[in-house]
N, C-alpha and C. Protein backbone atom coordinates (compact mmCIF):
# COMPACT_ATOMS: atom_id res chain seq x y z
N MET A 1 1.20 -0.86 0.31
CA MET A 1 0.43 0.13 -0.49
C MET A 1 0.86 1.52 -0.27
N ASN A 2 -0.09 2.20 -0.91
CA ASN A 2 1.24 3.94 -0.78
C ASN A 2 0.30 4.71 0.21
N VAL A 3 1.18 5.82 -0.14
CA VAL A 3 0.94 6.47 0.70
C VAL A 3 -0.88 7.20 0.68
N THR A 4 -0.89 7.30 -0.70
CA THR A 4 -2.13 7.63 -1.51
C THR A 4 -3.25 6.96 -0.96
N TRP A 5 -2.92 5.57 -0.97
CA TRP A 5 -4.07 4.83 -0.45
C TRP A 5 -4.50 4.63 1.20
N PHE A 6 -3.19 5.35 1.40
CA PHE A 6 -4.03 6.10 2.95
C PHE A 6 -4.41 6.98 3.10
N ILE A 7 -4.20 7.85 2.30
CA ILE A 7 -5.00 9.20 2.39
C ILE A 7 -6.70 9.33 2.14
N ILE A 8 -6.42 8.22 0.73
CA ILE A 8 -8.17 7.54 0.45
C ILE A 8 -9.03 7.22 1.51
N ARG A 9 -8.38 6.34 2.06
CA ARG A 9 -9.49 5.77 3.18
C ARG A 9 -9.12 6.04 4.13
N GLY A 10 -8.28 6.70 4.79
CA GLY A 10 -8.68 7.57 5.83
C GLY A 10 -9.49 9.16 5.51
N SER A 11 -9.20 9.84 4.73
CA SER A 11 -10.28 10.81 4.42
C SER A 11 -12.21 10.33 3.66
N GLY A 12 -11.71 9.23 3.68
CA GLY A 12 -13.36 8.11 3.62
C GLY A 12 -13.81 8.53 4.80
N ILE A 13 -12.78 7.49 6.01
CA ILE A 13 -13.63 7.38 7.29
C ILE A 13 -13.78 8.73 8.01
N VAL A 14 -12.61 10.36 7.98
CA VAL A 14 -12.70 11.47 8.48
C VAL A 14 -13.94 12.28 8.04
N ALA A 15 -14.04 11.76 6.47
CA ALA A 15 -15.54 12.79 5.93
C ALA A 15 -16.55 11.85 6.58
N PHE A 16 -17.13 10.09 6.69
CA PHE A 16 -18.06 9.72 7.23
C PHE A 16 -18.28 10.24 8.21
N THR A 17 -17.32 10.39 9.43
CA THR A 17 -17.37 10.46 10.44
C THR A 17 -17.66 12.41 10.53
N LEU A 18 -17.43 13.28 9.90
CA LEU A 18 -17.52 14.37 9.85
C LEU A 18 -18.99 14.88 9.35
N LEU A 19 -19.23 13.74 8.54
CA LEU A 19 -21.14 13.81 7.84
C LEU A 19 -21.86 13.19 9.04
N SER A 20 -21.42 12.38 9.78
CA SER A 20 -22.15 11.83 10.71
C SER A 20 -22.50 12.90 11.95
N ALA A 21 -21.31 13.58 12.47
CA ALA A 21 -21.01 14.48 13.38
C ALA A 21 -22.31 15.49 13.07
N SER A 22 -22.27 16.37 11.66
CA SER A 22 -23.02 17.18 10.86
C SER A 22 -24.39 16.68 11.48
N LEU A 23 -24.97 15.54 10.98
CA LEU A 23 -26.19 15.31 11.03
C LEU A 23 -26.76 15.12 12.80
N LEU A 24 -25.72 14.18 13.11
CA LEU A 24 -26.58 14.18 14.49
C LEU A 24 -26.32 15.66 15.30
N TRP A 25 -24.91 16.32 15.29
CA TRP A 25 -25.69 17.65 15.57
C TRP A 25 -26.49 18.07 15.14
N GLY A 26 -27.02 18.74 14.05
CA GLY A 26 -28.20 19.15 13.61
C GLY A 26 -29.56 17.93 13.98
N LEU A 27 -29.72 16.83 14.34
CA LEU A 27 -30.98 16.26 15.22
C LEU A 27 -30.40 16.97 16.54
N MET A 28 -29.51 17.10 17.22
CA MET A 28 -29.53 17.42 18.10
C MET A 28 -30.24 19.13 18.35
N VAL A 29 -29.60 19.83 17.50
CA VAL A 29 -30.40 20.81 17.56
C VAL A 29 -31.95 21.17 17.25
N SER A 30 -32.34 20.30 16.71
CA SER A 30 -33.43 20.51 16.17
C SER A 30 -34.64 19.55 17.16
N THR A 31 -34.10 18.53 17.68
CA THR A 31 -34.91 18.24 19.25
C THR A 31 -34.58 18.35 20.44
N LYS A 32 -33.81 20.01 20.13
CA LYS A 32 -33.68 20.61 21.36
C LYS A 32 -33.09 19.79 22.21
N VAL A 33 -32.41 19.14 22.63
CA VAL A 33 -31.77 18.38 23.42
C VAL A 33 -31.22 19.12 24.39
N PHE A 34 -30.22 19.92 23.82
CA PHE A 34 -29.34 21.03 24.65
C PHE A 34 -30.43 21.78 25.71
N GLY A 35 -32.09 22.09 24.92
CA GLY A 35 -32.44 22.94 25.91
C GLY A 35 -31.73 24.83 25.59
N ARG A 36 -31.86 25.13 26.52
CA ARG A 36 -31.46 26.67 26.35
C ARG A 36 -29.87 26.53 27.18
N ALA A 37 -29.17 25.51 26.98
CA ALA A 37 -28.16 25.72 27.91
C ALA A 37 -26.88 25.93 26.63
N ILE A 38 -27.39 26.00 25.87
CA ILE A 38 -26.26 26.54 24.89
C ILE A 38 -26.85 27.59 23.64
N LYS A 39 -26.15 28.32 23.61
CA LYS A 39 -26.92 29.99 22.50
C LYS A 39 -27.54 28.87 21.09
N ALA A 40 -28.37 28.86 20.80
CA ALA A 40 -28.27 28.76 18.99
C ALA A 40 -27.80 28.73 18.06
N LYS A 41 -26.94 30.53 18.33
CA LYS A 41 -26.02 30.62 17.13
C LYS A 41 -25.01 29.71 17.17
N GLY A 42 -24.51 29.60 18.18
CA GLY A 42 -23.31 28.58 18.82
C GLY A 42 -23.53 27.07 17.86
N LEU A 43 -24.86 26.81 18.34
CA LEU A 43 -24.72 25.11 17.92
C LEU A 43 -25.14 25.40 16.37
N GLN A 44 -25.83 26.37 15.57
CA GLN A 44 -25.88 26.43 14.36
C GLN A 44 -24.35 26.67 13.44
N TRP A 45 -23.95 27.45 14.32
CA TRP A 45 -21.97 27.57 14.03
C TRP A 45 -21.21 26.15 13.77
N LEU A 46 -21.73 25.44 14.37
CA LEU A 46 -20.74 24.17 14.99
C LEU A 46 -21.72 22.94 14.00
N HIS A 47 -22.84 22.99 13.78
CA HIS A 47 -23.16 22.09 12.43
C HIS A 47 -23.26 22.57 11.28
N GLU A 48 -23.01 23.55 10.91
CA GLU A 48 -22.58 24.32 9.62
C GLU A 48 -21.04 23.77 9.51
N SER A 49 -20.46 24.16 10.04
CA SER A 49 -18.90 23.46 10.20
C SER A 49 -18.57 22.31 9.93
N LEU A 50 -19.21 21.68 10.93
CA LEU A 50 -18.91 20.14 10.25
C LEU A 50 -19.40 19.78 9.23
N GLY A 51 -20.73 19.98 8.83
CA GLY A 51 -20.88 19.83 7.03
C GLY A 51 -19.54 20.56 6.50
N LEU A 52 -18.64 21.89 6.31
CA LEU A 52 -18.29 21.97 5.54
C LEU A 52 -17.05 21.23 5.60
N ALA A 53 -16.50 20.66 6.60
CA ALA A 53 -15.50 19.96 6.81
C ALA A 53 -15.42 18.52 6.37
N ALA A 54 -17.02 17.91 6.13
CA ALA A 54 -16.89 16.88 5.52
C ALA A 54 -17.31 16.93 3.82
N VAL A 55 -17.42 17.90 3.62
CA VAL A 55 -17.22 18.51 1.72
C VAL A 55 -15.35 18.55 1.87
N LEU A 56 -15.02 19.31 2.87
CA LEU A 56 -13.63 19.23 2.50
C LEU A 56 -13.03 17.83 2.63
N ALA A 57 -13.29 16.87 3.66
CA ALA A 57 -12.52 15.91 3.42
C ALA A 57 -13.01 14.83 2.59
N THR A 58 -14.16 14.65 1.75
CA THR A 58 -14.48 14.11 0.52
C THR A 58 -14.06 14.72 -0.15
N ILE A 59 -13.63 15.50 -0.12
CA ILE A 59 -13.12 16.16 -1.51
C ILE A 59 -11.19 15.75 -1.73
N ILE A 60 -10.60 15.76 -0.71
CA ILE A 60 -9.55 15.29 -0.38
C ILE A 60 -9.24 13.85 -0.83
N HIS A 61 -10.78 13.23 -0.13
CA HIS A 61 -10.91 11.66 -0.73
C HIS A 61 -11.34 11.39 -2.23
N ILE A 62 -11.83 12.62 -2.74
CA ILE A 62 -11.68 12.13 -4.41
C ILE A 62 -10.72 12.58 -4.98
N VAL A 63 -9.92 13.67 -4.93
CA VAL A 63 -8.72 14.07 -5.70
C VAL A 63 -7.46 13.07 -5.13
N SER A 64 -7.65 12.16 -3.98
CA SER A 64 -6.35 11.00 -3.62
C SER A 64 -6.77 10.02 -4.81
N LEU A 65 -8.40 9.66 -4.94
CA LEU A 65 -8.83 8.60 -5.86
C LEU A 65 -8.83 8.98 -7.23
N SER A 66 -8.38 10.52 -7.55
CA SER A 66 -7.74 10.53 -9.08
C SER A 66 -6.88 10.18 -9.20
N MET A 67 -5.70 9.99 -7.86
CA MET A 67 -4.05 9.68 -8.28
C MET A 67 -3.90 8.48 -8.12
N ASP A 68 -4.68 7.77 -7.55
CA ASP A 68 -4.51 6.30 -7.04
C ASP A 68 -4.41 5.21 -8.92
N GLU A 69 -3.35 4.89 -8.32
CA GLU A 69 -2.77 3.99 -9.78
C GLU A 69 -3.19 2.30 -9.96
N PHE A 70 -3.31 2.16 -8.33
CA PHE A 70 -3.90 1.01 -8.54
C PHE A 70 -5.49 0.66 -9.58
N ILE A 71 -6.46 1.76 -9.31
CA ILE A 71 -7.89 1.25 -10.72
C ILE A 71 -7.78 2.31 -11.15
N ASP A 72 -6.84 3.59 -10.93
CA ASP A 72 -7.28 4.25 -12.40
C ASP A 72 -8.41 5.11 -12.58
N PHE A 73 -8.75 5.53 -11.44
CA PHE A 73 -10.44 6.13 -12.02
C PHE A 73 -10.00 7.36 -12.46
N SER A 74 -10.76 7.99 -13.94
CA SER A 74 -10.93 8.86 -14.37
C SER A 74 -12.34 10.05 -13.77
N TRP A 75 -11.89 10.85 -13.72
CA TRP A 75 -12.57 12.27 -13.11
C TRP A 75 -13.92 11.58 -13.11
N ALA A 76 -14.97 11.25 -14.51
CA ALA A 76 -16.17 10.56 -15.20
C ALA A 76 -15.54 9.79 -13.68
N ASP A 77 -15.26 9.17 -13.97
CA ASP A 77 -16.13 7.75 -12.80
C ASP A 77 -15.88 8.21 -11.52
N ILE A 78 -15.16 9.16 -11.09
CA ILE A 78 -15.21 9.48 -9.78
C ILE A 78 -16.38 10.65 -9.26
N LEU A 79 -16.75 10.97 -10.46
CA LEU A 79 -17.90 12.13 -10.11
C LEU A 79 -19.17 12.38 -10.34
N ILE A 80 -19.37 10.96 -12.07
CA ILE A 80 -20.66 10.88 -12.51
C ILE A 80 -21.38 9.74 -11.89
N PRO A 81 -22.33 9.43 -10.82
CA PRO A 81 -22.61 8.05 -10.05
C PRO A 81 -23.21 7.29 -11.43
N GLY A 82 -22.31 5.75 -11.17
CA GLY A 82 -23.03 4.85 -12.44
C GLY A 82 -21.69 5.18 -13.26
N PHE A 83 -20.92 5.68 -13.18
CA PHE A 83 -20.06 5.78 -14.61
C PHE A 83 -19.05 4.59 -14.82
N THR A 84 -18.28 4.56 -13.54
CA THR A 84 -17.71 3.59 -13.03
C THR A 84 -17.88 1.83 -13.24
N GLU A 85 -17.50 1.53 -14.03
CA GLU A 85 -16.85 -0.51 -13.65
C GLU A 85 -16.86 -1.08 -12.78
N TRP A 86 -16.16 -0.08 -11.66
CA TRP A 86 -15.51 -0.98 -10.58
C TRP A 86 -16.78 -0.72 -9.27
N ARG A 87 -17.01 -1.62 -8.76
CA ARG A 87 -18.22 -1.50 -7.65
C ARG A 87 -18.93 -0.89 -8.27
N PRO A 88 -19.83 -0.73 -9.47
CA PRO A 88 -20.76 0.35 -9.74
C PRO A 88 -21.46 0.87 -8.96
N LEU A 89 -22.40 0.17 -8.11
CA LEU A 89 -23.44 0.81 -7.04
C LEU A 89 -22.71 0.98 -5.65
N ALA A 90 -21.62 0.62 -5.51
CA ALA A 90 -20.76 1.03 -4.23
C ALA A 90 -20.62 2.38 -4.54
N ALA A 91 -19.95 2.48 -5.89
CA ALA A 91 -18.82 3.76 -6.56
C ALA A 91 -20.18 5.04 -6.53
N ALA A 92 -21.53 4.46 -6.80
CA ALA A 92 -22.70 4.94 -7.57
C ALA A 92 -23.02 5.81 -6.32
N LEU A 93 -23.12 5.56 -5.18
CA LEU A 93 -23.62 5.73 -3.92
C LEU A 93 -22.91 6.65 -3.29
N GLY A 94 -21.44 6.61 -3.73
CA GLY A 94 -20.04 7.57 -3.39
C GLY A 94 -20.30 8.97 -3.92
N GLY A 95 -21.00 8.82 -5.02
CA GLY A 95 -21.20 9.92 -6.00
C GLY A 95 -22.51 10.73 -5.34
N VAL A 96 -23.32 10.00 -5.29
CA VAL A 96 -24.61 10.84 -4.90
C VAL A 96 -24.46 11.46 -3.14
N ALA A 97 -23.75 10.60 -2.57
CA ALA A 97 -23.46 11.06 -1.07
C ALA A 97 -22.80 12.46 -1.15
N PHE A 98 -21.62 12.51 -2.43
CA PHE A 98 -21.08 13.99 -1.83
C PHE A 98 -21.58 14.89 -3.00
N TRP A 99 -22.49 14.92 -4.31
CA TRP A 99 -23.22 15.69 -4.67
C TRP A 99 -24.38 16.60 -3.60
N SER A 100 -24.78 15.06 -2.82
CA SER A 100 -26.39 15.84 -1.59
C SER A 100 -25.61 16.56 -0.92
N LEU A 101 -24.13 15.83 -0.19
CA LEU A 101 -23.57 16.55 0.61
C LEU A 101 -23.13 18.21 0.31
N LEU A 102 -22.80 18.47 -1.12
CA LEU A 102 -22.50 19.80 -1.52
C LEU A 102 -23.93 20.31 -1.36
N VAL A 103 -24.76 20.09 -1.89
CA VAL A 103 -26.04 20.58 -2.29
C VAL A 103 -26.40 21.14 -0.94
N VAL A 104 -26.79 20.31 0.74
CA VAL A 104 -26.81 20.68 1.74
C VAL A 104 -26.07 21.27 2.07
N ALA A 105 -24.69 21.33 2.65
CA ALA A 105 -23.87 22.12 2.79
C ALA A 105 -23.83 23.67 2.39
N LEU A 106 -24.46 23.99 1.41
CA LEU A 106 -24.13 25.39 0.24
C LEU A 106 -25.54 25.83 0.79
N SER A 107 -26.54 25.19 0.92
CA SER A 107 -27.81 25.64 1.29
C SER A 107 -27.85 26.91 2.10
N PHE A 108 -26.82 26.54 3.19
CA PHE A 108 -26.63 27.72 4.35
C PHE A 108 -26.55 28.94 3.85
N TYR A 109 -25.72 29.01 2.53
CA TYR A 109 -25.74 30.13 2.24
C TYR A 109 -26.77 30.94 1.08
N VAL A 110 -27.70 29.77 0.99
CA VAL A 110 -28.88 30.48 0.19
C VAL A 110 -29.82 30.56 1.08
N LYS A 111 -29.74 30.31 1.88
CA LYS A 111 -31.38 30.07 2.87
C LYS A 111 -32.13 31.15 3.18
N LYS A 112 -31.68 32.70 2.88
CA LYS A 112 -32.37 33.94 3.35
C LYS A 112 -32.68 34.55 1.58
N TRP A 113 -32.34 33.65 0.68
CA TRP A 113 -32.91 33.54 -0.82
C TRP A 113 -34.12 32.59 -1.19
N ILE A 114 -33.44 31.58 -0.94
CA ILE A 114 -34.53 30.73 -0.95
C ILE A 114 -36.02 30.18 0.39
N GLY A 115 -35.70 30.86 0.99
CA GLY A 115 -36.83 30.89 2.74
C GLY A 115 -36.45 29.40 3.12
N GLN A 116 -37.21 29.60 4.47
CA GLN A 116 -36.99 28.32 5.37
C GLN A 116 -37.27 26.62 5.49
N ASN A 117 -38.88 27.45 4.46
CA ASN A 117 -39.22 25.79 3.95
C ASN A 117 -38.40 25.16 2.50
N VAL A 118 -38.23 25.74 2.11
CA VAL A 118 -36.88 25.34 0.71
C VAL A 118 -35.54 24.89 1.68
N TRP A 119 -35.52 25.68 2.45
CA TRP A 119 -34.33 25.10 3.02
C TRP A 119 -34.30 24.02 3.82
N ARG A 120 -35.29 23.86 4.64
CA ARG A 120 -35.38 22.33 5.12
C ARG A 120 -35.53 21.63 4.49
N SER A 121 -36.64 21.53 3.64
CA SER A 121 -36.58 20.18 2.89
C SER A 121 -35.24 20.05 1.73
N ILE A 122 -34.83 20.97 1.73
CA ILE A 122 -32.98 20.80 0.96
C ILE A 122 -32.33 20.34 2.28
N HIS A 123 -32.60 20.27 3.44
CA HIS A 123 -31.89 19.96 5.15
C HIS A 123 -32.29 18.26 4.87
N TYR A 124 -33.31 18.09 4.17
CA TYR A 124 -33.76 16.30 4.81
C TYR A 124 -32.80 15.50 4.09
N LEU A 125 -32.33 15.98 2.50
CA LEU A 125 -31.75 14.79 1.86
C LEU A 125 -30.18 14.40 2.88
N SER A 126 -30.33 15.06 3.99
CA SER A 126 -29.18 14.40 4.68
C SER A 126 -29.01 13.46 4.99
N PHE A 127 -30.70 12.77 5.44
CA PHE A 127 -30.84 11.27 5.94
C PHE A 127 -30.42 10.78 4.94
N GLY A 128 -30.60 10.81 3.20
CA GLY A 128 -30.12 10.07 1.84
C GLY A 128 -28.60 9.83 1.75
N THR A 129 -28.33 11.30 2.11
CA THR A 129 -26.47 11.60 2.16
C THR A 129 -26.15 10.48 2.93
N PHE A 130 -26.36 10.73 4.18
CA PHE A 130 -25.98 9.61 5.38
C PHE A 130 -25.92 8.29 5.16
N VAL A 131 -27.34 7.93 4.48
CA VAL A 131 -27.53 6.47 3.90
C VAL A 131 -26.49 5.85 3.06
N ALA A 132 -26.60 7.02 1.79
CA ALA A 132 -25.43 6.53 0.61
C ALA A 132 -24.14 6.69 1.20
N ALA A 133 -23.28 7.21 1.91
CA ALA A 133 -22.27 7.24 2.16
C ALA A 133 -22.29 5.89 3.00
N LEU A 134 -22.74 5.78 4.05
CA LEU A 134 -22.65 4.51 4.75
C LEU A 134 -22.34 3.39 3.89
N LEU A 135 -23.33 3.05 2.77
CA LEU A 135 -23.46 2.03 2.29
C LEU A 135 -22.46 2.34 1.37
N HIS A 136 -21.64 3.49 0.63
CA HIS A 136 -20.70 3.57 0.03
C HIS A 136 -19.60 3.15 0.89
N GLY A 137 -19.43 3.35 2.11
CA GLY A 137 -18.17 2.72 2.45
C GLY A 137 -18.20 1.78 3.13
N ILE A 138 -19.45 1.10 3.44
CA ILE A 138 -19.61 -0.43 3.70
C ILE A 138 -19.09 -1.47 2.64
N PHE A 139 -19.82 -0.88 1.28
CA PHE A 139 -19.09 -1.73 0.33
C PHE A 139 -18.34 -1.55 -0.68
N SER A 140 -17.90 -0.21 -0.69
CA SER A 140 -16.25 0.13 -1.19
C SER A 140 -15.04 0.65 -0.55
N GLY A 141 -15.70 0.28 0.59
CA GLY A 141 -14.41 0.35 2.10
C GLY A 141 -13.78 -0.69 2.28
N THR A 142 -12.19 -0.73 2.01
CA THR A 142 -11.43 -1.15 2.54
C THR A 142 -11.31 -1.99 3.96
N ASP A 143 -12.11 -0.59 4.56
CA ASP A 143 -11.57 -0.83 6.75
C ASP A 143 -12.95 -1.27 7.02
N THR A 144 -13.87 -1.69 6.12
CA THR A 144 -15.00 -2.16 6.87
C THR A 144 -15.29 -3.03 8.07
N GLY A 145 -14.45 -4.48 7.86
CA GLY A 145 -13.82 -5.28 8.91
C GLY A 145 -13.48 -5.07 10.27
N ASN A 146 -13.01 -3.73 9.93
CA ASN A 146 -11.86 -3.53 11.26
C ASN A 146 -12.67 -3.16 12.14
N PRO A 147 -12.64 -3.55 13.41
CA PRO A 147 -13.93 -3.17 14.34
C PRO A 147 -13.93 -1.67 14.56
N TRP A 148 -13.20 -1.11 14.95
CA TRP A 148 -13.45 0.33 14.70
C TRP A 148 -14.42 1.27 13.78
N VAL A 149 -13.84 0.68 12.61
CA VAL A 149 -14.68 1.08 11.54
C VAL A 149 -16.33 0.65 11.31
N ALA A 150 -16.60 -0.52 12.10
CA ALA A 150 -17.47 -1.38 11.78
C ALA A 150 -18.57 -0.55 13.20
N ALA A 151 -17.58 -0.37 14.48
CA ALA A 151 -18.27 0.17 15.63
C ALA A 151 -18.56 1.78 15.08
N LEU A 152 -17.79 2.50 14.28
CA LEU A 152 -18.11 3.72 13.77
C LEU A 152 -19.73 4.12 13.00
N TYR A 153 -19.71 2.82 11.62
CA TYR A 153 -20.94 2.63 11.25
C TYR A 153 -22.06 2.22 11.58
N LEU A 154 -22.19 1.12 12.97
CA LEU A 154 -23.21 0.81 13.78
C LEU A 154 -23.93 2.34 14.69
N GLY A 155 -22.43 2.34 15.38
CA GLY A 155 -22.98 3.65 16.59
C GLY A 155 -23.48 4.81 16.12
N SER A 156 -23.12 5.52 15.00
CA SER A 156 -23.56 6.29 14.02
C SER A 156 -25.08 6.27 13.19
N THR A 157 -25.06 5.01 12.76
CA THR A 157 -26.80 4.37 13.13
C THR A 157 -27.54 4.37 13.40
N LEU A 158 -26.80 3.92 14.58
CA LEU A 158 -28.02 3.46 16.28
C LEU A 158 -28.49 5.51 16.27
N LEU A 159 -27.23 6.16 16.65
CA LEU A 159 -27.66 7.49 17.06
C LEU A 159 -28.25 8.66 16.20
N VAL A 160 -28.69 8.06 15.01
CA VAL A 160 -28.98 8.66 13.95
C VAL A 160 -30.62 8.29 13.79
N VAL A 161 -30.65 6.85 14.25
CA VAL A 161 -32.25 6.34 14.23
C VAL A 161 -32.49 6.81 15.64
N MET A 162 -32.28 6.96 16.96
CA MET A 162 -32.88 7.69 17.58
C MET A 162 -32.88 8.95 18.12
N LEU A 163 -32.25 9.27 17.52
CA LEU A 163 -32.35 10.63 17.40
C LEU A 163 -33.67 10.89 16.26
N THR A 164 -33.87 10.86 15.44
CA THR A 164 -34.39 10.84 14.23
C THR A 164 -35.96 10.60 15.21
N ALA A 165 -36.02 9.24 15.29
CA ALA A 165 -37.39 8.67 16.15
C ALA A 165 -37.92 9.90 17.51
N ILE A 166 -36.59 10.35 17.90
CA ILE A 166 -37.05 11.57 19.05
C ILE A 166 -37.36 12.80 18.18
N ARG A 167 -36.76 12.81 17.09
CA ARG A 167 -37.62 14.03 16.34
C ARG A 167 -38.99 13.82 16.10
N ILE A 168 -39.31 13.00 15.69
CA ILE A 168 -40.33 12.25 14.70
C ILE A 168 -41.40 12.51 16.11
N ILE A 169 -41.20 11.84 16.89
CA ILE A 169 -42.10 11.86 18.18
C ILE A 169 -42.86 12.91 18.99
N SER A 170 -41.06 14.19 19.55
CA SER A 170 -41.36 15.11 19.72
C SER A 170 -42.67 16.20 19.05
N SER A 171 -42.34 16.12 17.87
CA SER A 171 -42.68 16.66 16.08
C SER A 171 -44.43 16.52 16.05
N ARG A 172 -44.55 15.53 16.77
CA ARG A 172 -46.13 14.65 17.08
C ARG A 172 -46.89 15.18 18.25
N GLU A 173 -46.06 15.47 19.58
CA GLU A 173 -46.55 16.23 20.75
C GLU A 173 -47.19 17.49 19.92
N PRO A 174 -48.78 17.75 21.15
CA PRO A 174 -48.78 18.77 20.96
C PRO A 174 -47.89 20.22 21.64
N LYS A 175 -48.22 21.25 21.37
CA LYS A 175 -47.25 22.35 21.17
C LYS A 175 -48.08 22.56 23.02
N ARG A 176 -46.90 22.91 24.06
CA ARG A 176 -47.30 23.87 25.22
C ARG A 176 -47.44 24.67 25.06
N ARG A 177 -48.71 25.82 25.44
CA ARG A 177 -48.93 27.08 25.81
C ARG A 177 -48.87 27.52 26.83
N PRO A 178 -48.17 29.00 26.93
CA PRO A 178 -47.90 29.36 28.44
C PRO A 178 -49.34 29.14 29.11
N SER A 179 -49.33 29.14 30.36
CA SER A 179 -50.41 29.45 31.04
C SER A 179 -51.15 30.76 31.22
N GLN A 180 -51.96 30.76 30.71
CA GLN A 180 -52.85 32.44 30.64
C GLN A 180 -54.03 32.52 31.84
N THR A 181 -53.44 33.59 32.42
CA THR A 181 -54.12 34.13 33.98
C THR A 181 -55.03 34.89 33.54
N ARG A 182 -56.09 34.65 34.19
CA ARG A 182 -57.16 35.71 33.94
C ARG A 182 -57.41 36.88 35.33
N THR A 183 -57.16 37.80 35.42
CA THR A 183 -57.82 38.49 36.10
C THR A 183 -59.11 38.89 36.45
N THR A 184 -60.24 39.09 37.38
CA THR A 184 -60.86 39.48 37.66
C THR A 184 -61.33 40.46 38.62
N ALA A 185 -61.95 41.56 38.09
CA ALA A 185 -61.69 42.94 39.16
C ALA A 185 -63.21 42.40 39.94
N SER A 186 -63.00 43.11 41.39
CA SER A 186 -63.62 43.01 42.49
C SER A 186 -64.78 44.40 42.67
């Protein structure tokens, strides 16, 4: 194995870890796990930063794949889902994960023009991005059998499912209104 191969593997694992952290942080913010303990602006900043870091790690993963001599991917193989003949489904899932991650991450910067509802709809892509990246890692990653990587995949999946369930359940609960007291004149 050469240095490029280590960069490909490492950047892929780091990209998945950052994607997972961004999704989990976003779910914690939206489920209000922290209540008022942390200011919303700080929560949003960290969520956005984790997403951008995931994009950067994914770009490193992609560039290092283009330099690998073992499989010899073309840019089309890497950037066009379904184009490569090497593990086509696994590679396509990686491409789909990259493009959807890019759309979600960049949506932070156009939110004021597209509005909250469209922005939120775009953010729902995060779930598909996570699943595509997870399956890409499982089926094309050479470290899937490593106990630490398997634990990363399993642990992040369990946390995403758990926080998503909490989010769905809490969104169905009726909103509590502050008590309104009436005073009567005597």
